Amino acid sequence: MEWPAAEISTQFPAVRISTRFLENGSTCTIVSTHDDDPDIIIIASPALPDTQIICDEYTFDGIPRQDVVEFVAAILTRSARLSISRGLWRFTQLSVTTAAGTHLAGRRYRNDLEPWEARLMK
């Protein structure tokens, strides 16, 4: 999965990118950002058209390969959005919009927003 790594590093020269090849033939690309931004992990299998993207505690499945760069850019440029549900069991929901649509992932809210999450709520 070299194609998104090269394009991401061109658009965002300050990030560090490393790619690991897994035993099952998949690749795991890690995009490391600034100290208070989340690391982004992109997992792709040559047998599948979609990828899995993990951003801190948020896991996004079914991200089309052609949208990976746009997805990562939304996180790095802070155009993604975060919301907190109301009620007894509170959850945060990270929303990332790409050409393929809006992708959602959540985690349990424990009164513990990371600095990068707080910036996405503005």
N, C-alpha and C. Protein backbone atom coordinates (compact mmCIF):
# COMPACT_ATOMS: atom_id res chain seq x y z
N MET A 1 0.84 -1.18 0.00
CA MET A 1 0.00 0.00 0.00
C MET A 1 0.88 1.24 0.00
N GLU A 2 1.76 1.36 -0.96
CA GLU A 2 2.68 2.49 -1.02
C GLU A 2 2.01 3.76 -1.52
N TRP A 3 1.00 3.63 -2.37
CA TRP A 3 0.42 4.82 -2.98
C TRP A 3 -0.10 5.85 -2.00
N PRO A 4 -0.85 5.50 -0.93
CA PRO A 4 -1.29 6.58 -0.05
C PRO A 4 -0.15 7.15 0.78
N ALA A 5 0.81 6.33 1.13
CA ALA A 5 1.93 6.80 1.96
C ALA A 5 2.68 7.92 1.24
N ALA A 6 2.98 7.74 -0.04
CA ALA A 6 3.70 8.75 -0.80
C ALA A 6 2.89 10.03 -0.92
N GLU A 7 1.61 9.90 -1.20
CA GLU A 7 0.76 11.09 -1.36
C GLU A 7 0.56 11.81 -0.04
N ILE A 8 0.40 11.07 1.05
CA ILE A 8 0.24 11.69 2.37
C ILE A 8 1.51 12.45 2.74
N SER A 9 2.68 11.85 2.53
CA SER A 9 3.93 12.52 2.90
C SER A 9 4.18 13.74 2.02
N THR A 10 3.68 13.75 0.78
CA THR A 10 3.80 14.93 -0.08
C THR A 10 2.92 16.06 0.43
N GLN A 11 1.68 15.74 0.81
CA GLN A 11 0.75 16.77 1.30
C GLN A 11 1.10 17.25 2.70
N PHE A 12 1.66 16.37 3.51
CA PHE A 12 1.97 16.68 4.91
C PHE A 12 3.41 16.27 5.22
N PRO A 13 4.37 17.10 4.83
CA PRO A 13 5.78 16.71 4.99
C PRO A 13 6.23 16.53 6.44
N ALA A 14 5.50 17.08 7.39
CA ALA A 14 5.92 16.98 8.80
C ALA A 14 5.58 15.62 9.43
N VAL A 15 4.75 14.82 8.78
CA VAL A 15 4.38 13.53 9.38
C VAL A 15 5.44 12.48 9.08
N ARG A 16 5.48 11.48 9.94
CA ARG A 16 6.37 10.33 9.75
C ARG A 16 5.50 9.15 9.33
N ILE A 17 5.94 8.42 8.35
CA ILE A 17 5.16 7.28 7.85
C ILE A 17 6.03 6.03 7.86
N SER A 18 5.48 4.96 8.40
CA SER A 18 6.18 3.67 8.34
C SER A 18 5.18 2.61 7.93
N THR A 19 5.65 1.67 7.13
CA THR A 19 4.79 0.59 6.64
C THR A 19 5.37 -0.74 7.06
N ARG A 20 4.50 -1.59 7.57
CA ARG A 20 4.87 -2.94 7.98
C ARG A 20 4.06 -3.93 7.15
N PHE A 21 4.68 -5.03 6.80
CA PHE A 21 3.99 -6.08 6.06
C PHE A 21 3.64 -7.19 7.04
N LEU A 22 2.38 -7.55 7.09
CA LEU A 22 1.89 -8.55 8.04
C LEU A 22 1.95 -9.94 7.43
N GLU A 23 1.92 -10.95 8.27
CA GLU A 23 2.03 -12.34 7.83
C GLU A 23 0.92 -12.75 6.86
N ASN A 24 -0.26 -12.16 7.01
CA ASN A 24 -1.38 -12.55 6.14
C ASN A 24 -1.36 -11.83 4.79
N GLY A 25 -0.31 -11.06 4.51
CA GLY A 25 -0.20 -10.36 3.23
C GLY A 25 -0.71 -8.93 3.28
N SER A 26 -1.33 -8.55 4.36
CA SER A 26 -1.83 -7.18 4.51
C SER A 26 -0.67 -6.24 4.83
N THR A 27 -0.94 -4.95 4.66
CA THR A 27 0.03 -3.95 5.06
C THR A 27 -0.57 -3.10 6.18
N CYS A 28 0.29 -2.62 7.02
CA CYS A 28 -0.11 -1.74 8.12
C CYS A 28 0.74 -0.49 7.99
N THR A 29 0.12 0.63 7.64
CA THR A 29 0.83 1.89 7.49
C THR A 29 0.50 2.78 8.68
N ILE A 30 1.52 3.29 9.34
CA ILE A 30 1.33 4.15 10.50
C ILE A 30 1.74 5.56 10.12
N VAL A 31 0.80 6.49 10.30
CA VAL A 31 1.05 7.91 10.06
C VAL A 31 1.20 8.56 11.42
N SER A 32 2.41 8.96 11.77
CA SER A 32 2.68 9.59 13.06
C SER A 32 2.69 11.10 12.87
N THR A 33 1.95 11.77 13.72
CA THR A 33 1.78 13.21 13.58
C THR A 33 2.48 13.93 14.73
N HIS A 34 2.07 15.13 14.97
CA HIS A 34 2.63 15.92 16.06
C HIS A 34 2.31 15.26 17.40
N ASP A 35 2.96 15.70 18.43
CA ASP A 35 2.84 15.08 19.75
C ASP A 35 1.41 14.99 20.27
N ASP A 36 0.60 16.03 20.06
CA ASP A 36 -0.76 16.00 20.61
C ASP A 36 -1.82 15.60 19.58
N ASP A 37 -1.41 15.16 18.42
CA ASP A 37 -2.33 14.63 17.42
C ASP A 37 -2.28 13.10 17.46
N PRO A 38 -3.35 12.45 17.03
CA PRO A 38 -3.35 10.99 17.10
C PRO A 38 -2.51 10.35 15.99
N ASP A 39 -1.97 9.18 16.27
CA ASP A 39 -1.39 8.39 15.20
C ASP A 39 -2.53 7.75 14.44
N ILE A 40 -2.35 7.57 13.14
CA ILE A 40 -3.38 6.98 12.28
C ILE A 40 -2.80 5.70 11.70
N ILE A 41 -3.52 4.60 11.88
CA ILE A 41 -3.07 3.31 11.38
C ILE A 41 -3.99 2.89 10.24
N ILE A 42 -3.40 2.56 9.10
CA ILE A 42 -4.16 2.15 7.91
C ILE A 42 -3.82 0.69 7.64
N ILE A 43 -4.83 -0.16 7.66
CA ILE A 43 -4.62 -1.58 7.41
C ILE A 43 -5.31 -1.94 6.09
N ALA A 44 -4.55 -2.53 5.18
CA ALA A 44 -5.09 -2.90 3.88
C ALA A 44 -4.68 -4.31 3.51
N SER A 45 -5.62 -5.04 2.94
CA SER A 45 -5.36 -6.38 2.45
C SER A 45 -5.41 -6.34 0.92
N PRO A 46 -4.47 -7.00 0.25
CA PRO A 46 -4.51 -7.01 -1.21
C PRO A 46 -5.76 -7.70 -1.76
N ALA A 47 -6.41 -8.52 -0.95
CA ALA A 47 -7.59 -9.25 -1.40
C ALA A 47 -8.88 -8.45 -1.24
N LEU A 48 -8.83 -7.32 -0.54
CA LEU A 48 -10.05 -6.55 -0.26
C LEU A 48 -9.96 -5.15 -0.85
N PRO A 49 -11.09 -4.62 -1.34
CA PRO A 49 -11.06 -3.27 -1.94
C PRO A 49 -11.04 -2.15 -0.90
N ASP A 50 -11.40 -2.46 0.34
CA ASP A 50 -11.50 -1.43 1.37
C ASP A 50 -10.41 -1.58 2.42
N THR A 51 -10.23 -0.54 3.21
CA THR A 51 -9.23 -0.55 4.26
C THR A 51 -9.90 -0.36 5.62
N GLN A 52 -9.12 -0.57 6.64
CA GLN A 52 -9.53 -0.27 8.00
C GLN A 52 -8.59 0.82 8.50
N ILE A 53 -9.16 1.86 9.11
CA ILE A 53 -8.35 2.95 9.63
C ILE A 53 -8.63 3.08 11.12
N ILE A 54 -7.56 3.10 11.89
CA ILE A 54 -7.67 3.25 13.34
C ILE A 54 -7.04 4.59 13.71
N CYS A 55 -7.82 5.39 14.40
CA CYS A 55 -7.37 6.71 14.83
C CYS A 55 -7.61 6.78 16.33
N ASP A 56 -6.54 6.62 17.10
CA ASP A 56 -6.64 6.57 18.56
C ASP A 56 -7.58 5.44 18.95
N GLU A 57 -8.69 5.69 19.62
CA GLU A 57 -9.63 4.63 20.02
C GLU A 57 -10.77 4.43 19.02
N TYR A 58 -10.70 5.07 17.89
CA TYR A 58 -11.77 4.99 16.88
C TYR A 58 -11.34 4.07 15.75
N THR A 59 -12.20 3.11 15.41
CA THR A 59 -11.91 2.17 14.33
C THR A 59 -12.94 2.35 13.22
N PHE A 60 -12.46 2.62 12.03
CA PHE A 60 -13.30 2.81 10.86
C PHE A 60 -13.07 1.64 9.91
N ASP A 61 -14.12 0.90 9.60
CA ASP A 61 -14.03 -0.21 8.65
C ASP A 61 -14.65 0.21 7.32
N GLY A 62 -14.20 -0.41 6.25
CA GLY A 62 -14.82 -0.21 4.95
C GLY A 62 -14.49 1.12 4.29
N ILE A 63 -13.32 1.66 4.53
CA ILE A 63 -12.92 2.90 3.88
C ILE A 63 -12.33 2.55 2.51
N PRO A 64 -12.94 3.02 1.42
CA PRO A 64 -12.41 2.69 0.08
C PRO A 64 -10.97 3.17 -0.07
N ARG A 65 -10.15 2.36 -0.73
CA ARG A 65 -8.74 2.71 -0.91
C ARG A 65 -8.56 4.10 -1.51
N GLN A 66 -9.42 4.44 -2.46
CA GLN A 66 -9.26 5.74 -3.12
C GLN A 66 -9.58 6.92 -2.20
N ASP A 67 -10.17 6.66 -1.03
CA ASP A 67 -10.50 7.73 -0.09
C ASP A 67 -9.54 7.81 1.10
N VAL A 68 -8.52 6.96 1.13
CA VAL A 68 -7.62 6.93 2.28
C VAL A 68 -6.90 8.27 2.47
N VAL A 69 -6.37 8.84 1.41
CA VAL A 69 -5.64 10.10 1.53
C VAL A 69 -6.58 11.21 1.99
N GLU A 70 -7.77 11.27 1.42
CA GLU A 70 -8.75 12.28 1.82
C GLU A 70 -9.16 12.10 3.28
N PHE A 71 -9.31 10.86 3.71
CA PHE A 71 -9.67 10.55 5.09
C PHE A 71 -8.58 11.04 6.05
N VAL A 72 -7.33 10.67 5.77
CA VAL A 72 -6.22 11.08 6.61
C VAL A 72 -6.09 12.60 6.62
N ALA A 73 -6.27 13.23 5.46
CA ALA A 73 -6.20 14.69 5.38
C ALA A 73 -7.27 15.35 6.26
N ALA A 74 -8.46 14.76 6.33
CA ALA A 74 -9.53 15.32 7.17
C ALA A 74 -9.14 15.31 8.64
N ILE A 75 -8.42 14.28 9.06
CA ILE A 75 -7.95 14.21 10.45
C ILE A 75 -6.83 15.24 10.66
N LEU A 76 -5.87 15.28 9.75
CA LEU A 76 -4.70 16.14 9.92
C LEU A 76 -5.03 17.63 9.78
N THR A 77 -6.04 17.96 8.97
CA THR A 77 -6.41 19.38 8.80
C THR A 77 -7.53 19.78 9.75
N ARG A 78 -7.96 18.82 10.57
CA ARG A 78 -8.98 19.06 11.58
C ARG A 78 -10.34 19.44 10.98
N SER A 79 -10.65 18.89 9.81
CA SER A 79 -11.98 19.11 9.25
C SER A 79 -12.96 18.01 9.67
N ALA A 80 -12.46 16.98 10.34
CA ALA A 80 -13.34 15.96 10.92
C ALA A 80 -14.07 16.60 12.10
N ARG A 81 -15.15 15.98 12.55
CA ARG A 81 -15.94 16.53 13.66
C ARG A 81 -16.12 15.49 14.75
N LEU A 82 -16.22 15.96 15.99
CA LEU A 82 -16.44 15.10 17.13
C LEU A 82 -17.66 15.59 17.89
N SER A 83 -18.49 14.65 18.32
CA SER A 83 -19.65 15.01 19.14
C SER A 83 -19.73 14.05 20.32
N ILE A 84 -20.42 14.49 21.37
CA ILE A 84 -20.62 13.68 22.57
C ILE A 84 -22.11 13.47 22.76
N SER A 85 -22.50 12.22 22.92
CA SER A 85 -23.91 11.91 23.12
C SER A 85 -24.34 12.30 24.53
N ARG A 86 -25.62 12.46 24.70
CA ARG A 86 -26.18 12.78 26.01
C ARG A 86 -26.87 11.54 26.55
N GLY A 87 -26.97 11.44 27.84
CA GLY A 87 -27.65 10.30 28.44
C GLY A 87 -26.79 9.61 29.46
N LEU A 88 -27.31 8.50 29.96
CA LEU A 88 -26.61 7.76 31.01
C LEU A 88 -25.27 7.22 30.51
N TRP A 89 -25.28 6.53 29.37
CA TRP A 89 -24.05 6.01 28.78
C TRP A 89 -23.63 6.98 27.69
N ARG A 90 -22.58 7.72 27.93
CA ARG A 90 -22.15 8.75 26.99
C ARG A 90 -21.05 8.21 26.08
N PHE A 91 -21.14 8.59 24.83
CA PHE A 91 -20.17 8.17 23.82
C PHE A 91 -19.70 9.37 23.03
N THR A 92 -18.48 9.30 22.54
CA THR A 92 -18.02 10.29 21.58
C THR A 92 -18.15 9.66 20.21
N GLN A 93 -18.43 10.49 19.21
CA GLN A 93 -18.54 10.01 17.85
C GLN A 93 -17.67 10.87 16.95
N LEU A 94 -16.74 10.23 16.27
CA LEU A 94 -15.87 10.91 15.33
C LEU A 94 -16.46 10.75 13.94
N SER A 95 -16.64 11.86 13.25
CA SER A 95 -17.25 11.88 11.92
C SER A 95 -16.25 12.43 10.92
N VAL A 96 -15.95 11.62 9.88
CA VAL A 96 -15.00 12.00 8.84
C VAL A 96 -15.72 11.89 7.50
N THR A 97 -15.75 12.98 6.74
CA THR A 97 -16.43 12.99 5.45
C THR A 97 -15.43 12.92 4.31
N THR A 98 -15.68 11.99 3.38
CA THR A 98 -14.87 11.84 2.17
C THR A 98 -15.81 11.79 0.98
N ALA A 99 -15.26 11.61 -0.21
CA ALA A 99 -16.08 11.51 -1.42
C ALA A 99 -17.06 10.34 -1.35
N ALA A 100 -16.69 9.28 -0.62
CA ALA A 100 -17.55 8.10 -0.51
C ALA A 100 -18.68 8.30 0.49
N GLY A 101 -18.63 9.36 1.29
CA GLY A 101 -19.68 9.60 2.28
C GLY A 101 -19.09 9.94 3.64
N THR A 102 -19.94 9.90 4.65
CA THR A 102 -19.51 10.20 6.01
C THR A 102 -19.26 8.90 6.75
N HIS A 103 -18.10 8.80 7.36
CA HIS A 103 -17.70 7.62 8.10
C HIS A 103 -17.75 7.95 9.59
N LEU A 104 -18.35 7.07 10.37
CA LEU A 104 -18.55 7.30 11.80
C LEU A 104 -17.91 6.19 12.63
N ALA A 105 -17.33 6.58 13.75
CA ALA A 105 -16.82 5.62 14.73
C ALA A 105 -16.96 6.26 16.10
N GLY A 106 -17.11 5.42 17.11
CA GLY A 106 -17.31 5.97 18.45
C GLY A 106 -16.50 5.25 19.50
N ARG A 107 -16.50 5.85 20.67
CA ARG A 107 -15.88 5.23 21.84
C ARG A 107 -16.65 5.71 23.07
N ARG A 108 -16.50 5.02 24.16
CA ARG A 108 -17.16 5.42 25.39
C ARG A 108 -16.50 6.69 25.92
N TYR A 109 -17.32 7.64 26.32
CA TYR A 109 -16.83 8.90 26.87
C TYR A 109 -16.70 8.78 28.38
N ARG A 110 -15.51 9.06 28.88
CA ARG A 110 -15.23 8.93 30.30
C ARG A 110 -14.75 10.26 30.88
N ASN A 111 -15.33 11.37 30.39
CA ASN A 111 -14.88 12.72 30.78
C ASN A 111 -13.39 12.89 30.51
N ASP A 112 -12.96 12.42 29.35
CA ASP A 112 -11.53 12.37 29.05
C ASP A 112 -11.21 12.68 27.59
N LEU A 113 -11.48 13.87 27.15
CA LEU A 113 -11.13 14.22 25.78
C LEU A 113 -9.64 14.49 25.66
N GLU A 114 -9.04 13.93 24.62
CA GLU A 114 -7.65 14.23 24.29
C GLU A 114 -7.63 15.63 23.66
N PRO A 115 -6.50 16.32 23.68
CA PRO A 115 -6.44 17.67 23.08
C PRO A 115 -6.89 17.69 21.62
N TRP A 116 -6.51 16.68 20.84
CA TRP A 116 -6.91 16.66 19.44
C TRP A 116 -8.43 16.48 19.30
N GLU A 117 -9.05 15.73 20.21
CA GLU A 117 -10.50 15.56 20.17
C GLU A 117 -11.20 16.87 20.51
N ALA A 118 -10.71 17.57 21.51
CA ALA A 118 -11.32 18.86 21.90
C ALA A 118 -11.27 19.85 20.74
N ARG A 119 -10.19 19.84 19.96
CA ARG A 119 -10.10 20.76 18.82
C ARG A 119 -11.14 20.45 17.75
N LEU A 120 -11.53 19.20 17.62
CA LEU A 120 -12.53 18.82 16.60
C LEU A 120 -13.95 19.20 17.00
N MET A 121 -14.16 19.55 18.24
CA MET A 121 -15.50 19.92 18.71
C MET A 121 -15.81 21.39 18.42
N LYS A 122 -14.84 22.17 18.05
CA LYS A 122 -15.04 23.61 17.82
C LYS A 122 -15.63 23.89 16.47
